[in-house]
C-alpha atoms as a PDB file:
ATOM      1  CA  MET A   1      15.019  31.080  -6.760  1.00  0.00           C
ATOM      2  CA  ARG A   2      16.872  28.299  -8.620  1.00  0.00           C
ATOM      3  CA  LYS A   3      20.049  30.398  -8.694  1.00  0.00           C
ATOM      4  CA  ILE A   4      19.774  31.003  -4.973  1.00  0.00           C
ATOM      5  CA  LEU A   5      19.322  27.297  -4.284  1.00  0.00           C
ATOM      6  CA  ARG A   6      22.392  26.448  -6.392  1.00  0.00           C
ATOM      7  CA  LEU A   7      24.485  29.067  -4.590  1.00  0.00           C
ATOM      8  CA  GLU A   8      23.312  27.738  -1.252  1.00  0.00           C
ATOM      9  CA  GLY A   9      23.959  24.144  -2.237  1.00  0.00           C
ATOM     10  CA  ALA A  10      25.987  23.500   0.890  1.00  0.00           C
ATOM     11  CA  ARG A  11      22.835  23.860   2.983  1.00  0.00           C
ATOM     12  CA  SER A  12      19.744  21.713   2.830  1.00  0.00           C
ATOM     13  CA  LEU A  13      16.531  22.947   1.255  1.00  0.00           C
ATOM     14  CA  ARG A  14      14.902  22.593   4.672  1.00  0.00           C
ATOM     15  CA  GLU A  15      17.438  24.974   6.222  1.00  0.00           C
ATOM     16  CA  GLN A  16      17.041  27.479   3.392  1.00  0.00           C
ATOM     17  CA  LEU A  17      13.243  27.489   3.689  1.00  0.00           C
ATOM     18  CA  GLU A  18      13.362  27.984   7.434  1.00  0.00           C
ATOM     19  CA  GLU A  19      15.899  30.785   7.082  1.00  0.00           C
ATOM     20  CA  ALA A  20      13.670  32.452   4.486  1.00  0.00           C
ATOM     21  CA  ILE A  21      10.771  32.385   6.965  1.00  0.00           C
ATOM     22  CA  ASP A  22      12.978  33.860   9.703  1.00  0.00           C
ATOM     23  CA  GLU A  23      14.226  36.632   7.432  1.00  0.00           C
ATOM     24  CA  HIS A  24      10.682  37.450   6.312  1.00  0.00           C
ATOM     25  CA  GLU A  25       9.539  37.809   9.919  1.00  0.00           C
ATOM     26  CA  ASP A  26      12.563  39.925  10.869  1.00  0.00           C
ATOM     27  CA  GLU A  27      12.140  42.238   7.898  1.00  0.00           C
ATOM     28  CA  ASN A  28       8.406  42.684   8.366  1.00  0.00           C
ATOM     29  CA  GLY A  29       8.314  42.657  12.149  1.00  0.00           C
ATOM     30  CA  VAL A  30       5.573  40.027  12.230  1.00  0.00           C
ATOM     31  CA  SER A  31       7.042  37.538  14.678  1.00  0.00           C
ATOM     32  CA  GLY A  32       4.521  38.526  17.334  1.00  0.00           C
ATOM     33  CA  GLY A  33       0.864  37.628  17.668  1.00  0.00           C
ATOM     34  CA  ASP A  34      -0.563  40.559  15.646  1.00  0.00           C
ATOM     35  CA  ASP A  35       0.230  39.426  12.103  1.00  0.00           C
ATOM     36  CA  ARG A  36      -1.766  40.856   9.217  1.00  0.00           C
ATOM     37  CA  SER A  37       0.465  39.591   6.420  1.00  0.00           C
ATOM     38  CA  GLY A  38      -2.150  36.998   5.505  1.00  0.00           C
ATOM     39  CA  GLU A  39      -4.497  39.825   4.557  1.00  0.00           C
ATOM     40  CA  ARG A  40      -1.976  40.961   1.899  1.00  0.00           C
ATOM     41  CA  GLY A  41      -1.904  37.554   0.253  1.00  0.00           C
ATOM     42  CA  ASP A  42       1.306  36.541   2.033  1.00  0.00           C
ATOM     43  CA  LEU A  43       1.664  33.637   4.461  1.00  0.00           C
ATOM     44  CA  SER A  44      -0.035  34.296   7.785  1.00  0.00           C
ATOM     45  CA  ARG A  45       1.627  33.607  11.130  1.00  0.00           C
ATOM     46  CA  VAL A  46      -0.390  30.393  11.500  1.00  0.00           C
ATOM     47  CA  GLU A  47       0.620  29.231   8.023  1.00  0.00           C
ATOM     48  CA  ARG A  48       4.280  29.943   8.745  1.00  0.00           C
ATOM     49  CA  GLN A  49       4.108  27.973  11.991  1.00  0.00           C
ATOM     50  CA  MET A  50       2.489  25.046  10.178  1.00  0.00           C
ATOM     51  CA  LEU A  51       5.244  25.221   7.577  1.00  0.00           C
ATOM     52  CA  ARG A  52       7.885  25.147  10.320  1.00  0.00           C
ATOM     53  CA  ASN A  53       6.181  22.133  11.894  1.00  0.00           C
ATOM     54  CA  LEU A  54       6.102  20.379   8.541  1.00  0.00           C
ATOM     55  CA  LEU A  55       9.797  21.079   7.937  1.00  0.00           C
ATOM     56  CA  HIS A  56      10.667  19.404  11.239  1.00  0.00           C
ATOM     57  CA  PHE A  57       8.053  16.625  11.131  1.00  0.00           C
ATOM     58  CA  SER A  58      10.526  14.054   9.810  1.00  0.00           C
ATOM     59  CA  GLU A  59      12.813  14.696  12.797  1.00  0.00           C
ATOM     60  CA  HIS A  60      10.294  13.091  15.182  1.00  0.00           C
ATOM     61  CA  ASP A  61      10.007   9.385  15.844  1.00  0.00           C
ATOM     62  CA  ALA A  62       7.081   7.322  17.113  1.00  0.00           C
ATOM     63  CA  ASP A  63       8.135   7.719  20.738  1.00  0.00           C
ATOM     64  CA  ASP A  64       8.067  11.524  20.413  1.00  0.00           C
ATOM     65  CA  VAL A  65       4.472  11.784  19.201  1.00  0.00           C
ATOM     66  CA  ALA A  66       2.870   8.861  21.045  1.00  0.00           C
ATOM     67  CA  VAL A  67       0.422   9.087  23.908  1.00  0.00           C
ATOM     68  CA  PRO A  68       2.471   7.674  26.831  1.00  0.00           C
ATOM     69  CA  ARG A  69       1.577   4.236  28.149  1.00  0.00           C
ATOM     70  CA  GLY A  70       0.327   5.700  31.416  1.00  0.00           C
ATOM     71  CA  GLU A  71      -2.295   7.758  29.547  1.00  0.00           C
ATOM     72  CA  ILE A  72      -3.628   5.079  27.195  1.00  0.00           C
ATOM     73  CA  ILE A  73      -7.358   4.419  27.441  1.00  0.00           C
ATOM     74  CA  ALA A  74      -7.824   0.697  26.790  1.00  0.00           C
ATOM     75  CA  VAL A  75     -10.207  -2.108  27.765  1.00  0.00           C
ATOM     76  CA  ASP A  76      -9.641  -5.627  29.019  1.00  0.00           C
ATOM     77  CA  ALA A  77     -10.888  -8.406  26.751  1.00  0.00           C
ATOM     78  CA  SER A  78     -12.611  -9.998  29.757  1.00  0.00           C
ATOM     79  CA  ILE A  79     -15.144  -7.196  30.356  1.00  0.00           C
ATOM     80  CA  SER A  80     -18.802  -7.627  29.441  1.00  0.00           C
ATOM     81  CA  TRP A  81     -20.574  -6.102  26.446  1.00  0.00           C
ATOM     82  CA  ASP A  82     -22.355  -3.589  28.677  1.00  0.00           C
ATOM     83  CA  GLU A  83     -19.037  -2.573  30.259  1.00  0.00           C
ATOM     84  CA  LEU A  84     -17.542  -2.118  26.795  1.00  0.00           C
ATOM     85  CA  VAL A  85     -20.399   0.157  25.705  1.00  0.00           C
ATOM     86  CA  ALA A  86     -20.057   2.103  28.963  1.00  0.00           C
ATOM     87  CA  ALA A  87     -16.319   2.565  28.328  1.00  0.00           C
ATOM     88  CA  PHE A  88     -16.991   4.122  24.923  1.00  0.00           C
ATOM     89  CA  SER A  89     -19.651   6.356  26.450  1.00  0.00           C
ATOM     90  CA  GLU A  90     -17.357   7.472  29.267  1.00  0.00           C
ATOM     91  CA  HIS A  91     -14.238   8.224  27.255  1.00  0.00           C
ATOM     92  CA  GLY A  92     -15.714   9.411  23.952  1.00  0.00           C
ATOM     93  CA  HIS A  93     -13.101   7.713  21.764  1.00  0.00           C
ATOM     94  CA  SER A  94     -13.918   6.107  18.424  1.00  0.00           C
ATOM     95  CA  ARG A  95     -11.285   3.390  18.862  1.00  0.00           C
ATOM     96  CA  MET A  96      -9.754   1.686  21.882  1.00  0.00           C
ATOM     97  CA  PRO A  97      -7.006  -0.912  22.229  1.00  0.00           C
ATOM     98  CA  VAL A  98      -8.056  -4.222  23.744  1.00  0.00           C
ATOM     99  CA  TYR A  99      -5.628  -6.126  25.933  1.00  0.00           C
ATOM    100  CA  ARG A 100      -5.539  -9.466  27.700  1.00  0.00           C
ATOM    101  CA  GLU A 101      -4.601  -9.172  31.417  1.00  0.00           C
ATOM    102  CA  THR A 102      -1.908  -6.507  30.912  1.00  0.00           C
ATOM    103  CA  LEU A 103      -1.380  -3.620  28.515  1.00  0.00           C
ATOM    104  CA  ASP A 104       1.722  -5.403  27.207  1.00  0.00           C
ATOM    105  CA  ASP A 105      -0.576  -7.955  25.544  1.00  0.00           C
ATOM    106  CA  VAL A 106      -2.657  -5.846  23.158  1.00  0.00           C
ATOM    107  CA  ILE A 107      -4.695  -8.266  21.052  1.00  0.00           C
ATOM    108  CA  GLY A 108      -6.481  -5.765  18.830  1.00  0.00           C
ATOM    109  CA  MET A 109      -8.592  -2.643  18.769  1.00  0.00           C
ATOM    110  CA  ILE A 110     -12.341  -2.148  18.926  1.00  0.00           C
ATOM    111  CA  HIS A 111     -14.065   0.494  16.766  1.00  0.00           C
ATOM    112  CA  ILE A 112     -17.286   2.253  17.714  1.00  0.00           C
ATOM    113  CA  LYS A 113     -18.517   1.696  14.124  1.00  0.00           C
ATOM    114  CA  ASP A 114     -18.661  -2.043  14.835  1.00  0.00           C
ATOM    115  CA  ILE A 115     -20.644  -1.523  18.032  1.00  0.00           C
ATOM    116  CA  PHE A 116     -23.092   1.211  17.090  1.00  0.00           C
ATOM    117  CA  PRO A 117     -25.135  -0.820  14.534  1.00  0.00           C
ATOM    118  CA  ILE A 118     -25.750  -3.524  17.138  1.00  0.00           C
ATOM    119  CA  ILE A 119     -26.981  -0.950  19.644  1.00  0.00           C
ATOM    120  CA  ALA A 120     -29.001   1.064  17.108  1.00  0.00           C
ATOM    121  CA  ASN A 121     -30.726  -1.991  15.626  1.00  0.00           C
ATOM    122  CA  LEU A 122     -31.382  -3.525  19.055  1.00  0.00           C
ATOM    123  CA  THR A 123     -29.806  -6.765  17.878  1.00  0.00           C
ATOM    124  CA  GLU A 124     -28.277  -9.334  20.170  1.00  0.00           C
ATOM    125  CA  PRO A 125     -24.592  -8.584  20.814  1.00  0.00           C
ATOM    126  CA  PRO A 126     -22.118 -11.337  19.971  1.00  0.00           C
ATOM    127  CA  ALA A 127     -21.470 -13.890  22.692  1.00  0.00           C
ATOM    128  CA  ASP A 128     -17.789 -12.992  22.429  1.00  0.00           C
ATOM    129  CA  TRP A 129     -17.412  -9.337  21.469  1.00  0.00           C
ATOM    130  CA  THR A 130     -13.695  -9.802  20.793  1.00  0.00           C
ATOM    131  CA  SER A 131     -14.796 -11.319  17.464  1.00  0.00           C
ATOM    132  CA  LEU A 132     -15.257  -7.682  16.389  1.00  0.00           C
ATOM    133  CA  LEU A 133     -11.621  -6.773  16.990  1.00  0.00           C
ATOM    134  CA  ARG A 134      -9.564  -5.174  14.264  1.00  0.00           C
ATOM    135  CA  GLU A 135      -5.818  -5.507  13.820  1.00  0.00           C
ATOM    136  CA  PRO A 136      -3.938  -2.376  14.884  1.00  0.00           C
ATOM    137  CA  LEU A 137      -0.610  -1.255  13.520  1.00  0.00           C
ATOM    138  CA  TYR A 138       2.431  -2.099  15.660  1.00  0.00           C
ATOM    139  CA  VAL A 139       5.468   0.165  15.314  1.00  0.00           C
ATOM    140  CA  PRO A 140       8.816   0.344  17.151  1.00  0.00           C
ATOM    141  CA  GLN A 141       9.692   3.404  19.214  1.00  0.00           C
ATOM    142  CA  ALA A 142      12.385   4.517  16.778  1.00  0.00           C
ATOM    143  CA  ARG A 143      10.227   4.440  13.641  1.00  0.00           C
ATOM    144  CA  GLY A 144       9.995   7.895  12.090  1.00  0.00           C
ATOM    145  CA  ALA A 145       6.734   9.795  12.450  1.00  0.00           C
ATOM    146  CA  LEU A 146       6.598  10.297   8.678  1.00  0.00           C
ATOM    147  CA  ASP A 147       7.018   6.542   8.170  1.00  0.00           C
ATOM    148  CA  VAL A 148       4.243   5.832  10.683  1.00  0.00           C
ATOM    149  CA  LEU A 149       1.939   8.170   8.763  1.00  0.00           C
ATOM    150  CA  ALA A 150       2.824   6.379   5.513  1.00  0.00           C
ATOM    151  CA  ASP A 151       2.174   3.001   7.182  1.00  0.00           C
ATOM    152  CA  MET A 152      -1.242   4.155   8.369  1.00  0.00           C
ATOM    153  CA  ARG A 153      -2.182   5.398   4.903  1.00  0.00           C
ATOM    154  CA  ALA A 154      -0.976   2.215   3.203  1.00  0.00           C
ATOM    155  CA  LYS A 155      -2.809  -0.103   5.610  1.00  0.00           C
ATOM    156  CA  ARG A 156      -5.801   2.206   6.135  1.00  0.00           C
ATOM    157  CA  VAL A 157      -5.382   1.982   9.896  1.00  0.00           C
ATOM    158  CA  HIS A 158      -5.786   5.028  12.132  1.00  0.00           C
ATOM    159  CA  LEU A 159      -4.326   3.638  15.358  1.00  0.00           C
ATOM    160  CA  ALA A 160      -0.836   2.324  16.079  1.00  0.00           C
ATOM    161  CA  ILE A 161       0.606   0.657  19.157  1.00  0.00           C
ATOM    162  CA  VAL A 162       4.182   1.713  19.901  1.00  0.00           C
ATOM    163  CA  VAL A 163       6.246  -1.176  21.260  1.00  0.00           C
ATOM    164  CA  ASP A 164       9.568  -1.068  23.078  1.00  0.00           C
ATOM    165  CA  GLU A 165      12.613  -3.280  22.611  1.00  0.00           C
ATOM    166  CA  PHE A 166      11.029  -5.969  24.797  1.00  0.00           C
ATOM    167  CA  SER A 167       7.805  -5.981  22.730  1.00  0.00           C
ATOM    168  CA  GLY A 168       5.971  -4.273  25.577  1.00  0.00           C
ATOM    169  CA  THR A 169       3.472  -1.486  24.981  1.00  0.00           C
ATOM    170  CA  ASP A 170       5.189   1.901  25.186  1.00  0.00           C
ATOM    171  CA  GLY A 171       2.508   4.197  23.799  1.00  0.00           C
ATOM    172  CA  LEU A 172      -0.251   4.788  21.285  1.00  0.00           C
ATOM    173  CA  ILE A 173      -0.491   6.939  18.160  1.00  0.00           C
ATOM    174  CA  THR A 174      -3.608   7.988  16.279  1.00  0.00           C
ATOM    175  CA  ILE A 175      -3.584   9.650  12.906  1.00  0.00           C
ATOM    176  CA  GLU A 176      -4.928  12.749  14.662  1.00  0.00           C
ATOM    177  CA  ASP A 177      -1.779  12.847  16.828  1.00  0.00           C
ATOM    178  CA  LEU A 178       0.356  12.936  13.688  1.00  0.00           C
ATOM    179  CA  VAL A 179      -1.729  15.631  12.011  1.00  0.00           C
ATOM    180  CA  GLU A 180      -1.592  17.743  15.185  1.00  0.00           C
ATOM    181  CA  GLU A 181       2.205  17.741  14.978  1.00  0.00           C
ATOM    182  CA  ILE A 182       1.756  19.859  11.845  1.00  0.00           C
ATOM    183  CA  VAL A 183      -1.434  21.885  12.304  1.00  0.00           C
ATOM    184  CA  GLY A 184      -1.513  22.149  16.096  1.00  0.00           C
ATOM    185  CA  GLU A 185      -4.106  20.970  18.598  1.00  0.00           C
ATOM    186  CA  ILE A 186      -7.383  19.831  17.048  1.00  0.00           C
ATOM    187  CA  GLU A 187     -10.509  20.194  19.152  1.00  0.00           C
ATOM    188  CA  ASP A 188     -13.999  19.142  18.136  1.00  0.00           C
ATOM    189  CA  GLU A 189     -17.455  19.500  19.631  1.00  0.00           C
ATOM    190  CA  HIS A 190     -16.877  16.478  21.847  1.00  0.00           C
ATOM    191  CA  ASP A 191     -13.736  17.832  23.500  1.00  0.00           C
ATOM    192  CA  ASP A 192     -14.104  19.276  26.968  1.00  0.00           C
ATOM    193  CA  ALA A 193     -13.878  23.033  27.376  1.00  0.00           C
ATOM    194  CA  PRO A 194     -10.407  24.221  28.424  1.00  0.00           C
ATOM    195  CA  GLU A 195      -9.887  24.029  32.161  1.00  0.00           C
ATOM    196  CA  ALA A 196      -7.066  24.491  34.617  1.00  0.00           C
ATOM    197  CA  LEU A 197      -5.194  21.199  34.781  1.00  0.00           C
ATOM    198  CA  CYS A 198      -3.440  22.110  38.042  1.00  0.00           C
ATOM    199  CA  VAL A 199      -5.279  23.704  40.956  1.00  0.00           C
ATOM    200  CA  PRO A 200      -3.546  24.949  44.143  1.00  0.00           C
ATOM    201  CA  LEU A 201      -4.794  23.335  47.341  1.00  0.00           C
ATOM    202  CA  GLY A 202      -2.891  25.460  49.834  1.00  0.00           C
ATOM    203  CA  GLU A 203       0.276  24.797  51.839  1.00  0.00           C
ATOM    204  CA  GLY A 204       2.167  24.343  48.571  1.00  0.00           C
ATOM    205  CA  MET A 205       0.111  21.357  47.400  1.00  0.00           C
ATOM    206  CA  TRP A 206      -1.420  21.058  43.935  1.00  0.00           C
ATOM    207  CA  ASP A 207      -4.162  18.841  42.520  1.00  0.00           C
ATOM    208  CA  CYS A 208      -3.328  18.017  38.896  1.00  0.00           C
ATOM    209  CA  ASP A 209      -4.782  16.247  35.915  1.00  0.00           C
ATOM    210  CA  ALA A 210      -2.374  13.606  34.605  1.00  0.00           C
ATOM    211  CA  ARG A 211      -2.539  15.312  31.190  1.00  0.00           C
ATOM    212  CA  ALA A 212      -0.880  18.465  32.544  1.00  0.00           C
ATOM    213  CA  GLU A 213       2.162  19.330  30.417  1.00  0.00           C
ATOM    214  CA  LEU A 214       5.499  19.312  32.234  1.00  0.00           C
ATOM    215  CA  ASP A 215       6.453  22.570  30.517  1.00  0.00           C
ATOM    216  CA  ASP A 216       3.366  24.228  31.998  1.00  0.00           C
ATOM    217  CA  ILE A 217       4.060  22.709  35.418  1.00  0.00           C
ATOM    218  CA  ALA A 218       7.638  23.991  35.248  1.00  0.00           C
ATOM    219  CA  GLU A 219       6.358  27.494  34.569  1.00  0.00           C
ATOM    220  CA  GLN A 220       3.486  27.433  37.047  1.00  0.00           C
ATOM    221  CA  ILE A 221       4.862  25.377  39.940  1.00  0.00           C
ATOM    222  CA  ASP A 222       8.553  24.411  39.876  1.00  0.00           C
ATOM    223  CA  PRO A 223      10.943  24.076  36.901  1.00  0.00           C
ATOM    224  CA  ARG A 224      12.682  21.160  38.605  1.00  0.00           C
ATOM    225  CA  LEU A 225       9.626  18.961  38.055  1.00  0.00           C
ATOM    226  CA  ALA A 226      10.288  19.032  34.301  1.00  0.00           C
ATOM    227  CA  GLU A 227      13.927  17.965  34.663  1.00  0.00           C
ATOM    228  CA  VAL A 228      13.731  14.346  33.521  1.00  0.00           C
ATOM    229  CA  GLU A 229      16.010  12.420  31.172  1.00  0.00           C
ATOM    230  CA  GLU A 230      13.272  10.282  29.608  1.00  0.00           C
ATOM    231  CA  ALA A 231      11.108  11.605  26.764  1.00  0.00           C
ATOM    232  CA  VAL A 232       7.912  12.403  28.669  1.00  0.00           C
ATOM    233  CA  ASP A 233       5.669  15.421  28.217  1.00  0.00           C
ATOM    234  CA  THR A 234       2.986  15.077  30.880  1.00  0.00           C
ATOM    235  CA  LEU A 235       2.707  14.627  34.626  1.00  0.00           C
ATOM    236  CA  GLY A 236       1.114  11.219  34.101  1.00  0.00           C
ATOM    237  CA  GLY A 237       4.058  10.198  31.955  1.00  0.00           C
ATOM    238  CA  LEU A 238       6.449  11.406  34.650  1.00  0.00           C
ATOM    239  CA  ALA A 239       4.638   9.285  37.246  1.00  0.00           C
ATOM    240  CA  PHE A 240       4.957   6.247  34.985  1.00  0.00           C
ATOM    241  CA  VAL A 241       8.692   6.862  34.511  1.00  0.00           C
ATOM    242  CA  LEU A 242       9.302   7.283  38.242  1.00  0.00           C
ATOM    243  CA  ALA A 243       7.319   4.147  39.101  1.00  0.00           C
ATOM    244  CA  GLU A 244       8.580   2.159  36.085  1.00  0.00           C
ATOM    245  CA  ALA A 245       4.983   0.918  35.741  1.00  0.00           C
ATOM    246  CA  VAL A 246       1.443   2.262  35.976  1.00  0.00           C
ATOM    247  CA  PRO A 247       1.336   3.252  39.668  1.00  0.00           C
ATOM    248  CA  PRO A 248      -1.833   2.265  41.563  1.00  0.00           C
ATOM    249  CA  VAL A 249      -3.968   4.789  43.422  1.00  0.00           C
ATOM    250  CA  GLY A 250      -2.372   5.706  46.748  1.00  0.00           C
ATOM    251  CA  THR A 251       1.203   5.396  45.504  1.00  0.00           C
ATOM    252  CA  VAL A 252       3.491   8.254  46.549  1.00  0.00           C
ATOM    253  CA  LEU A 253       6.467   8.763  44.252  1.00  0.00           C
ATOM    254  CA  GLU A 254       9.623  10.637  45.199  1.00  0.00           C
ATOM    255  CA  HIS A 255      10.906  13.136  42.651  1.00  0.00           C
ATOM    256  CA  PRO A 256      14.671  13.935  42.769  1.00  0.00           C
ATOM    257  CA  SER A 257      13.782  17.564  43.526  1.00  0.00           C
ATOM    258  CA  GLY A 258      12.084  16.553  46.772  1.00  0.00           C
ATOM    259  CA  TRP A 259       8.538  16.895  45.459  1.00  0.00           C
ATOM    260  CA  ARG A 260       6.263  13.952  46.244  1.00  0.00           C
ATOM    261  CA  ILE A 261       3.754  12.880  43.615  1.00  0.00           C
ATOM    262  CA  GLU A 262       0.700  11.071  44.976  1.00  0.00           C
ATOM    263  CA  VAL A 263      -1.580   9.114  42.644  1.00  0.00           C
ATOM    264  CA  THR A 264      -5.150  10.006  43.609  1.00  0.00           C
ATOM    265  CA  ALA A 265      -7.170   8.541  40.721  1.00  0.00           C
ATOM    266  CA  GLY A 266      -6.711   6.017  37.928  1.00  0.00           C
ATOM    267  CA  ASP A 267      -7.010   2.340  37.124  1.00  0.00           C
ATOM    268  CA  GLU A 268      -4.762  -0.547  36.138  1.00  0.00           C
ATOM    269  CA  THR A 269      -3.980   0.942  32.726  1.00  0.00           C
ATOM    270  CA  HIS A 270      -3.507   4.657  33.352  1.00  0.00           C
ATOM    271  CA  VAL A 271      -3.315   7.444  35.918  1.00  0.00           C
ATOM    272  CA  THR A 272      -5.867  10.271  35.758  1.00  0.00           C
ATOM    273  CA  ARG A 273      -5.156  12.571  38.724  1.00  0.00           C
ATOM    274  CA  LEU A 274      -2.193  13.293  40.963  1.00  0.00           C
ATOM    275  CA  ARG A 275      -1.409  15.468  43.956  1.00  0.00           C
ATOM    276  CA  LEU A 276       1.877  17.320  44.242  1.00  0.00           C
ATOM    277  CA  HIS A 277       3.342  17.680  47.730  1.00  0.00           C
ATOM    278  CA  PRO A 278       6.107  20.299  48.027  1.00  0.00           C
ATOM    279  CA  PRO A 279       9.597  19.439  49.278  1.00  0.00           C
ATOM    280  CA  MET A 280      10.058  19.570  53.012  1.00  0.00           C
ATOM    281  CA  ILE A 281      12.068  22.541  54.234  1.00  0.00           C
ATOM    282  CA  ASP A 282      14.877  20.217  55.351  1.00  0.00           C
ATOM    283  CA  ASP A 283      15.036  18.728  51.829  1.00  0.00           C
ATOM    284  CA  GLU A 284      15.439  22.148  50.201  1.00  0.00           C
ATOM    285  CA  VAL A 285      18.115  23.203  52.682  1.00  0.00           C
ATOM    286  CA  GLN A 286      20.127  20.102  51.801  1.00  0.00           C
END
């Protein structure tokens, strides 16, 4: 192996490893879904995919892996204790950012571990629950994903706020998001069962969850809907880009393809559901 690496010195170790994986799959015909190589003590298809993800992990930056601003679940510092507890119950997260007036002013994060003892012991909640806030990690959009992971480990923080060049909130990263870039989607017993994120309504209209991936929408509905210059992955992120803000319920956004995207559910911090209206016949003719 050392001789091979010296002979291939013109190419990076990353390139050589990836080429070795490709050659192994070509030679053994195991690029498809039915891969039994793991049973022979070799790397399984899942292991090879994880290795590929790891090889390319350093190529991603914070903006690539972050939950888009339009999909962030956060709470306003002005809500009551009961409303805070209800928010944790509704969304099922262990941590949530806390903002003052707008999502661009994140003042900290609240952890369920700091709330649960108060509820379990039936003790009086603090007069000002923001005294329980923890300091999140703030990272610029361009910071490498590997660096963000190192920052989280060093500071023992599992949530980072991604800020843009104007110090506004651009997105959110959890340590789970970073791990999923390597091992794939992680689902636990609290995650909802898989469901169709886009449902046809007839006459060309679709009712969609804001989490619907643009790649899936392109395949299922219209590839033009995924043609966007900005780095967004979901329909909710697309709505945010088109509106240049979190669009309120009732907003109808015009997509360059002629599709109209109507916001049907959400709040001041994020969009949850949208309705896709197909281009008018006159628009498609033009």
